[in-house]
Amino acid sequence: MTTDIILCVPSCEGPVRKAFELTGVAPAVAASSRLNEIAALEGDDGFAGAVVDATTIAFTDAMNLCRQLRGRERSISPIILILDRYQLDELTFREDLFDDFVIAPADANELAARLRHRLRRAGHDGGASLIEQGGLVINLETYQASIAGRTLDLTYMEYELLRFLATNPNRVFTRETLLNRVWGYEYYGGARTVDVHVRRLRAKLGEENAHLIQTVRSVGYKFGPNANWTLGD
């Protein structure tokens, strides 16, 4: 299955990257709004959509970029804007330049939901909706996980931690990185928060599956060992 590629201008960090992970799409990041830079990133299948952050580039530049993306021979749609609230009035008579928007600071779950909805309306699958390995299944749409057919009773953050580790198998993450990527940059809890959630996840996975989340001594955690993960519908 081919993963949808979403153009992201001018960066893909924090909640935007998390939204892409939730949706199951991959970013192609253009640091500027220059079309030659964007074209250099485009693959044979083109872009499935675009996310333009009008809070970090000039609003007029963002609108011009949207106009250019619409006017290309290979038009890009859907286009989702990230806006400051005070910019809302500036959207009047520009509705044809974008498909949807979110207000900054962007919420990852809201952006993911809007992106997934718009991709489907445009005829794209929006990336994989299931992650499967052996008896473990994680549903990216319903925020549910099961092991050997048994639904796991997970809190939201337990699910988020499991999802993040599972979509990055065999990669080692420090506790600090996990705090930033799962809990968010504004979370002020200590690294022990990660340890507590890992311990709870292992208990819920069961003794026979607890090894899926490995401790890397003096570093952090990884998902494994050596799992051959597949993404599917």
C-alpha atoms as a PDB file:
ATOM      1  CA  MET A   1       0.000   0.000   0.000  1.00  0.00           C
ATOM      2  CA  THR A   2       1.341   3.419  -0.970  1.00  0.00           C
ATOM      3  CA  THR A   3       1.449   6.059   1.740  1.00  0.00           C
ATOM      4  CA  ASP A   4      -0.069   9.407   0.800  1.00  0.00           C
ATOM      5  CA  ILE A   5       2.458  12.260   0.712  1.00  0.00           C
ATOM      6  CA  ILE A   6       1.292  15.622   2.053  1.00  0.00           C
ATOM      7  CA  LEU A   7       3.120  18.843   1.222  1.00  0.00           C
ATOM      8  CA  CYS A   8       3.855  20.742   4.424  1.00  0.00           C
ATOM      9  CA  VAL A   9       4.936  24.412   4.344  1.00  0.00           C
ATOM     10  CA  PRO A  10       7.110  25.672   5.982  1.00  0.00           C
ATOM     11  CA  SER A  11       7.699  22.955   8.628  1.00  0.00           C
ATOM     12  CA  CYS A  12       6.247  19.805  10.129  1.00  0.00           C
ATOM     13  CA  GLU A  13       6.889  19.843  13.834  1.00  0.00           C
ATOM     14  CA  GLY A  14       4.983  19.421  17.101  1.00  0.00           C
ATOM     15  CA  PRO A  15       1.205  18.918  16.672  1.00  0.00           C
ATOM     16  CA  VAL A  16       1.441  18.987  12.864  1.00  0.00           C
ATOM     17  CA  ARG A  17       3.818  16.023  12.794  1.00  0.00           C
ATOM     18  CA  LYS A  18       1.698  14.242  15.366  1.00  0.00           C
ATOM     19  CA  ALA A  19      -1.405  14.818  13.208  1.00  0.00           C
ATOM     20  CA  PHE A  20       0.390  13.278  10.237  1.00  0.00           C
ATOM     21  CA  GLU A  21       1.325  10.253  12.350  1.00  0.00           C
ATOM     22  CA  LEU A  22      -2.280   9.883  13.510  1.00  0.00           C
ATOM     23  CA  THR A  23      -3.529  10.090   9.932  1.00  0.00           C
ATOM     24  CA  GLY A  24      -0.926   7.690   8.561  1.00  0.00           C
ATOM     25  CA  VAL A  25       0.451  10.052   5.909  1.00  0.00           C
ATOM     26  CA  ALA A  26       4.000  11.189   5.259  1.00  0.00           C
ATOM     27  CA  PRO A  27       5.177  14.805   5.043  1.00  0.00           C
ATOM     28  CA  ALA A  28       7.200  16.429   2.290  1.00  0.00           C
ATOM     29  CA  VAL A  29       8.492  19.595   3.928  1.00  0.00           C
ATOM     30  CA  ALA A  30       9.187  22.731   1.896  1.00  0.00           C
ATOM     31  CA  ALA A  31      10.858  25.381   4.013  1.00  0.00           C
ATOM     32  CA  SER A  32       9.746  28.134   1.625  1.00  0.00           C
ATOM     33  CA  SER A  33       6.819  28.790  -0.692  1.00  0.00           C
ATOM     34  CA  ARG A  34       8.970  28.699  -3.839  1.00  0.00           C
ATOM     35  CA  LEU A  35       7.400  26.424  -6.432  1.00  0.00           C
ATOM     36  CA  ASN A  36      10.733  25.108  -7.692  1.00  0.00           C
ATOM     37  CA  GLU A  37      11.553  23.839  -4.207  1.00  0.00           C
ATOM     38  CA  ILE A  38       8.139  22.248  -3.943  1.00  0.00           C
ATOM     39  CA  ALA A  39       8.424  20.614  -7.369  1.00  0.00           C
ATOM     40  CA  ALA A  40      11.760  19.086  -6.373  1.00  0.00           C
ATOM     41  CA  LEU A  41      10.017  17.274  -3.501  1.00  0.00           C
ATOM     42  CA  GLU A  42       7.185  15.886  -5.616  1.00  0.00           C
ATOM     43  CA  GLY A  43       7.166  12.226  -6.520  1.00  0.00           C
ATOM     44  CA  ASP A  44       5.623  10.481  -9.486  1.00  0.00           C
ATOM     45  CA  ASP A  45       2.284  10.187  -7.705  1.00  0.00           C
ATOM     46  CA  GLY A  46       2.186  13.878  -6.778  1.00  0.00           C
ATOM     47  CA  PHE A  47       0.987  15.265  -3.486  1.00  0.00           C
ATOM     48  CA  ALA A  48      -2.236  13.993  -1.936  1.00  0.00           C
ATOM     49  CA  GLY A  49      -2.762  17.378  -0.273  1.00  0.00           C
ATOM     50  CA  ALA A  50      -1.045  20.235   1.509  1.00  0.00           C
ATOM     51  CA  VAL A  51      -0.899  21.831   4.954  1.00  0.00           C
ATOM     52  CA  VAL A  52       0.149  25.481   4.895  1.00  0.00           C
ATOM     53  CA  ASP A  53       0.961  27.237   8.168  1.00  0.00           C
ATOM     54  CA  ALA A  54      -0.014  30.886   7.704  1.00  0.00           C
ATOM     55  CA  THR A  55       1.142  31.692  11.241  1.00  0.00           C
ATOM     56  CA  THR A  56       4.815  31.195  10.416  1.00  0.00           C
ATOM     57  CA  ILE A  57       4.937  32.751   6.957  1.00  0.00           C
ATOM     58  CA  ALA A  58       3.358  36.010   5.850  1.00  0.00           C
ATOM     59  CA  PHE A  59      -0.386  35.652   5.306  1.00  0.00           C
ATOM     60  CA  THR A  60      -0.203  37.128   1.799  1.00  0.00           C
ATOM     61  CA  ASP A  61       2.573  34.660   0.943  1.00  0.00           C
ATOM     62  CA  ALA A  62       0.437  31.794   2.241  1.00  0.00           C
ATOM     63  CA  MET A  63      -2.519  32.890   0.101  1.00  0.00           C
ATOM     64  CA  ASN A  64      -0.318  33.311  -2.962  1.00  0.00           C
ATOM     65  CA  LEU A  65       1.080  29.852  -2.407  1.00  0.00           C
ATOM     66  CA  CYS A  66      -2.417  28.364  -2.173  1.00  0.00           C
ATOM     67  CA  ARG A  67      -3.353  30.143  -5.413  1.00  0.00           C
ATOM     68  CA  GLN A  68      -0.281  28.766  -7.139  1.00  0.00           C
ATOM     69  CA  LEU A  69      -0.886  25.238  -5.849  1.00  0.00           C
ATOM     70  CA  ARG A  70      -4.443  25.407  -7.165  1.00  0.00           C
ATOM     71  CA  GLY A  71      -3.310  26.781 -10.526  1.00  0.00           C
ATOM     72  CA  ARG A  72      -0.620  24.209 -11.249  1.00  0.00           C
ATOM     73  CA  GLU A  73      -1.096  21.726 -14.062  1.00  0.00           C
ATOM     74  CA  ARG A  74      -1.101  19.094 -11.315  1.00  0.00           C
ATOM     75  CA  SER A  75      -3.356  20.915  -8.866  1.00  0.00           C
ATOM     76  CA  ILE A  76      -3.026  20.078  -5.173  1.00  0.00           C
ATOM     77  CA  SER A  77      -6.138  19.354  -3.147  1.00  0.00           C
ATOM     78  CA  PRO A  78      -7.082  19.328  -0.332  1.00  0.00           C
ATOM     79  CA  ILE A  79      -5.278  22.349   1.110  1.00  0.00           C
ATOM     80  CA  ILE A  80      -5.588  22.925   4.850  1.00  0.00           C
ATOM     81  CA  LEU A  81      -4.515  26.196   6.455  1.00  0.00           C
ATOM     82  CA  ILE A  82      -3.275  26.803   9.974  1.00  0.00           C
ATOM     83  CA  LEU A  83      -4.325  30.303  11.019  1.00  0.00           C
ATOM     84  CA  ASP A  84      -4.199  32.716  13.907  1.00  0.00           C
ATOM     85  CA  ARG A  85      -7.681  33.707  15.035  1.00  0.00           C
ATOM     86  CA  TYR A  86      -7.197  37.322  13.977  1.00  0.00           C
ATOM     87  CA  GLN A  87      -6.632  36.148  10.383  1.00  0.00           C
ATOM     88  CA  LEU A  88     -10.134  34.722   9.996  1.00  0.00           C
ATOM     89  CA  ASP A  89     -11.563  37.911   8.506  1.00  0.00           C
ATOM     90  CA  GLU A  90      -8.865  37.790   5.848  1.00  0.00           C
ATOM     91  CA  LEU A  91     -10.342  34.579   4.446  1.00  0.00           C
ATOM     92  CA  THR A  92     -13.376  36.388   3.020  1.00  0.00           C
ATOM     93  CA  PHE A  93     -13.526  35.999  -0.782  1.00  0.00           C
ATOM     94  CA  ARG A  94     -10.568  33.609  -0.641  1.00  0.00           C
ATOM     95  CA  GLU A  95     -12.596  30.464   0.087  1.00  0.00           C
ATOM     96  CA  ASP A  96     -11.670  28.983  -3.282  1.00  0.00           C
ATOM     97  CA  LEU A  97      -7.988  28.874  -2.326  1.00  0.00           C
ATOM     98  CA  PHE A  98      -8.258  26.285   0.453  1.00  0.00           C
ATOM     99  CA  ASP A  99     -10.462  23.425   1.626  1.00  0.00           C
ATOM    100  CA  ASP A 100     -10.321  23.666   5.412  1.00  0.00           C
ATOM    101  CA  PHE A 101      -8.489  25.366   8.267  1.00  0.00           C
ATOM    102  CA  VAL A 102      -7.596  25.015  11.939  1.00  0.00           C
ATOM    103  CA  ILE A 103      -6.886  27.753  14.454  1.00  0.00           C
ATOM    104  CA  ALA A 104      -3.457  27.951  16.070  1.00  0.00           C
ATOM    105  CA  PRO A 105      -2.193  26.568  18.297  1.00  0.00           C
ATOM    106  CA  ALA A 106      -3.219  23.580  16.219  1.00  0.00           C
ATOM    107  CA  ASP A 107      -4.646  20.583  18.033  1.00  0.00           C
ATOM    108  CA  ALA A 108      -3.147  17.402  16.592  1.00  0.00           C
ATOM    109  CA  ASN A 109      -6.352  15.396  16.861  1.00  0.00           C
ATOM    110  CA  GLU A 110      -8.467  18.089  15.204  1.00  0.00           C
ATOM    111  CA  LEU A 111      -5.975  18.544  12.382  1.00  0.00           C
ATOM    112  CA  ALA A 112      -5.769  14.774  11.891  1.00  0.00           C
ATOM    113  CA  ALA A 113      -9.558  14.472  11.747  1.00  0.00           C
ATOM    114  CA  ARG A 114      -9.893  17.300   9.219  1.00  0.00           C
ATOM    115  CA  LEU A 115      -7.037  15.983   7.111  1.00  0.00           C
ATOM    116  CA  ARG A 116      -8.438  12.446   7.098  1.00  0.00           C
ATOM    117  CA  HIS A 117     -11.921  13.709   6.173  1.00  0.00           C
ATOM    118  CA  ARG A 118     -10.664  15.899   3.345  1.00  0.00           C
ATOM    119  CA  LEU A 119      -8.407  13.191   1.940  1.00  0.00           C
ATOM    120  CA  ARG A 120     -11.288  10.775   1.732  1.00  0.00           C
ATOM    121  CA  ARG A 121     -13.522  13.325   0.057  1.00  0.00           C
ATOM    122  CA  ALA A 122     -10.749  13.875  -2.484  1.00  0.00           C
ATOM    123  CA  GLY A 123     -10.548  10.151  -3.171  1.00  0.00           C
ATOM    124  CA  HIS A 124      -7.419   9.395  -1.179  1.00  0.00           C
ATOM    125  CA  ASP A 125      -7.317   6.715   1.497  1.00  0.00           C
ATOM    126  CA  GLY A 126      -5.383   8.998   3.850  1.00  0.00           C
ATOM    127  CA  GLY A 127      -2.848   6.342   4.696  1.00  0.00           C
ATOM    128  CA  ALA A 128      -3.233   3.148   6.630  1.00  0.00           C
ATOM    129  CA  SER A 129      -5.988   2.821   9.197  1.00  0.00           C
ATOM    130  CA  LEU A 130      -4.663  -0.316  10.891  1.00  0.00           C
ATOM    131  CA  ILE A 131      -1.305  -1.377  12.250  1.00  0.00           C
ATOM    132  CA  GLU A 132      -0.993  -5.136  12.646  1.00  0.00           C
ATOM    133  CA  GLN A 133       1.663  -7.454  14.037  1.00  0.00           C
ATOM    134  CA  GLY A 134       0.801 -10.962  14.968  1.00  0.00           C
ATOM    135  CA  GLY A 135      -2.132 -10.741  17.336  1.00  0.00           C
ATOM    136  CA  LEU A 136      -1.761  -7.012  18.019  1.00  0.00           C
ATOM    137  CA  VAL A 137      -4.005  -4.642  16.044  1.00  0.00           C
ATOM    138  CA  ILE A 138      -4.072  -0.860  16.464  1.00  0.00           C
ATOM    139  CA  ASN A 139      -6.933   1.019  14.809  1.00  0.00           C
ATOM    140  CA  LEU A 140      -5.849   4.559  13.940  1.00  0.00           C
ATOM    141  CA  GLU A 141      -9.411   5.692  13.292  1.00  0.00           C
ATOM    142  CA  THR A 142     -11.222   4.392  16.365  1.00  0.00           C
ATOM    143  CA  TYR A 143      -8.289   4.821  18.780  1.00  0.00           C
ATOM    144  CA  GLN A 144      -8.615   1.200  19.855  1.00  0.00           C
ATOM    145  CA  ALA A 145      -6.128  -1.626  20.183  1.00  0.00           C
ATOM    146  CA  SER A 146      -6.523  -5.361  20.640  1.00  0.00           C
ATOM    147  CA  ILE A 147      -4.227  -8.295  21.304  1.00  0.00           C
ATOM    148  CA  ALA A 148      -5.156 -11.834  20.191  1.00  0.00           C
ATOM    149  CA  GLY A 149      -8.700 -10.608  19.608  1.00  0.00           C
ATOM    150  CA  ARG A 150      -8.965  -9.128  23.113  1.00  0.00           C
ATOM    151  CA  THR A 151      -9.725  -5.418  23.218  1.00  0.00           C
ATOM    152  CA  LEU A 152      -7.273  -3.507  25.373  1.00  0.00           C
ATOM    153  CA  ASP A 153      -8.805  -1.112  27.877  1.00  0.00           C
ATOM    154  CA  LEU A 154      -6.381   1.762  27.351  1.00  0.00           C
ATOM    155  CA  THR A 155      -6.479   5.336  28.499  1.00  0.00           C
ATOM    156  CA  TYR A 156      -5.969   7.941  25.792  1.00  0.00           C
ATOM    157  CA  MET A 157      -2.311   8.491  26.686  1.00  0.00           C
ATOM    158  CA  GLU A 158      -1.629   4.745  26.949  1.00  0.00           C
ATOM    159  CA  TYR A 159      -3.047   4.357  23.448  1.00  0.00           C
ATOM    160  CA  GLU A 160      -0.999   7.296  22.175  1.00  0.00           C
ATOM    161  CA  LEU A 161       2.208   5.879  23.620  1.00  0.00           C
ATOM    162  CA  LEU A 162       1.537   2.421  22.186  1.00  0.00           C
ATOM    163  CA  ARG A 163       0.627   3.898  18.795  1.00  0.00           C
ATOM    164  CA  PHE A 164       3.738   6.055  18.656  1.00  0.00           C
ATOM    165  CA  LEU A 165       6.096   3.218  19.564  1.00  0.00           C
ATOM    166  CA  ALA A 166       4.337   0.768  17.253  1.00  0.00           C
ATOM    167  CA  THR A 167       4.553   3.080  14.248  1.00  0.00           C
ATOM    168  CA  ASN A 168       8.286   3.443  14.841  1.00  0.00           C
ATOM    169  CA  PRO A 169       9.345  -0.179  15.462  1.00  0.00           C
ATOM    170  CA  ASN A 170      12.896  -0.965  16.546  1.00  0.00           C
ATOM    171  CA  ARG A 171      13.735   2.710  17.054  1.00  0.00           C
ATOM    172  CA  VAL A 172      14.972   3.690  20.488  1.00  0.00           C
ATOM    173  CA  PHE A 173      13.403   6.766  22.096  1.00  0.00           C
ATOM    174  CA  THR A 174      14.549   8.507  25.237  1.00  0.00           C
ATOM    175  CA  ARG A 175      11.989   9.309  27.891  1.00  0.00           C
ATOM    176  CA  GLU A 176      12.370  13.001  27.113  1.00  0.00           C
ATOM    177  CA  THR A 177      11.639  12.409  23.430  1.00  0.00           C
ATOM    178  CA  LEU A 178       8.572  10.362  24.277  1.00  0.00           C
ATOM    179  CA  LEU A 179       7.334  13.121  26.585  1.00  0.00           C
ATOM    180  CA  ASN A 180       7.685  15.642  23.767  1.00  0.00           C
ATOM    181  CA  ARG A 181       6.240  13.520  20.978  1.00  0.00           C
ATOM    182  CA  VAL A 182       3.398  11.838  22.889  1.00  0.00           C
ATOM    183  CA  TRP A 183       2.471  14.214  25.698  1.00  0.00           C
ATOM    184  CA  GLY A 184       3.429  17.399  23.854  1.00  0.00           C
ATOM    185  CA  TYR A 185       5.954  20.163  24.202  1.00  0.00           C
ATOM    186  CA  GLU A 186       3.907  21.981  26.849  1.00  0.00           C
ATOM    187  CA  TYR A 187       3.749  19.002  29.193  1.00  0.00           C
ATOM    188  CA  TYR A 188       5.780  19.592  32.330  1.00  0.00           C
ATOM    189  CA  GLY A 189       5.617  16.152  33.911  1.00  0.00           C
ATOM    190  CA  GLY A 190       8.783  14.232  34.679  1.00  0.00           C
ATOM    191  CA  ALA A 191      10.278  11.257  32.876  1.00  0.00           C
ATOM    192  CA  ARG A 192       8.701   8.936  35.450  1.00  0.00           C
ATOM    193  CA  THR A 193       5.387   9.547  33.653  1.00  0.00           C
ATOM    194  CA  VAL A 194       6.717   7.494  30.732  1.00  0.00           C
ATOM    195  CA  ASP A 195       7.858   4.666  33.018  1.00  0.00           C
ATOM    196  CA  VAL A 196       4.438   4.489  34.673  1.00  0.00           C
ATOM    197  CA  HIS A 197       2.620   4.322  31.358  1.00  0.00           C
ATOM    198  CA  VAL A 198       4.994   1.679  29.987  1.00  0.00           C
ATOM    199  CA  ARG A 199       4.445  -0.442  33.088  1.00  0.00           C
ATOM    200  CA  ARG A 200       0.662  -0.148  32.678  1.00  0.00           C
ATOM    201  CA  LEU A 201       0.852  -0.970  28.972  1.00  0.00           C
ATOM    202  CA  ARG A 202       2.908  -4.096  29.621  1.00  0.00           C
ATOM    203  CA  ALA A 203       0.413  -5.238  32.221  1.00  0.00           C
ATOM    204  CA  LYS A 204      -2.479  -4.749  29.803  1.00  0.00           C
ATOM    205  CA  LEU A 205      -0.657  -6.452  26.930  1.00  0.00           C
ATOM    206  CA  GLY A 206      -0.219  -9.472  29.190  1.00  0.00           C
ATOM    207  CA  GLU A 207       2.841 -11.394  30.262  1.00  0.00           C
ATOM    208  CA  GLU A 208       3.191 -13.157  26.912  1.00  0.00           C
ATOM    209  CA  ASN A 209       3.255  -9.851  25.009  1.00  0.00           C
ATOM    210  CA  ALA A 210       4.911  -7.500  27.501  1.00  0.00           C
ATOM    211  CA  HIS A 211       8.230  -7.980  25.675  1.00  0.00           C
ATOM    212  CA  LEU A 212       6.897  -5.928  22.752  1.00  0.00           C
ATOM    213  CA  ILE A 213       7.929  -2.797  24.649  1.00  0.00           C
ATOM    214  CA  GLN A 214      11.612  -3.187  25.453  1.00  0.00           C
ATOM    215  CA  THR A 215      13.688  -1.195  27.906  1.00  0.00           C
ATOM    216  CA  VAL A 216      16.994   0.003  26.516  1.00  0.00           C
ATOM    217  CA  ARG A 217      19.166   0.430  29.573  1.00  0.00           C
ATOM    218  CA  SER A 218      20.234   4.006  30.321  1.00  0.00           C
ATOM    219  CA  VAL A 219      18.436   5.262  27.204  1.00  0.00           C
ATOM    220  CA  GLY A 220      14.691   4.648  27.033  1.00  0.00           C
ATOM    221  CA  TYR A 221      12.317   2.330  25.198  1.00  0.00           C
ATOM    222  CA  LYS A 222      11.722   0.742  21.830  1.00  0.00           C
ATOM    223  CA  PHE A 223       9.055  -1.422  20.237  1.00  0.00           C
ATOM    224  CA  GLY A 224      10.256  -4.822  19.074  1.00  0.00           C
ATOM    225  CA  PRO A 225      12.080  -7.034  18.936  1.00  0.00           C
ATOM    226  CA  ASN A 226      12.732  -6.981  15.185  1.00  0.00           C
ATOM    227  CA  ALA A 227       9.058  -6.901  14.351  1.00  0.00           C
ATOM    228  CA  ASN A 228       8.120  -6.966  10.675  1.00  0.00           C
ATOM    229  CA  TRP A 229       5.272  -4.473  10.797  1.00  0.00           C
ATOM    230  CA  THR A 230       2.690  -4.064   8.113  1.00  0.00           C
ATOM    231  CA  LEU A 231       0.254  -1.268   7.462  1.00  0.00           C
ATOM    232  CA  GLY A 232      -3.087  -2.131   6.000  1.00  0.00           C
ATOM    233  CA  ASP A 233      -6.722  -1.269   5.645  1.00  0.00           C
END
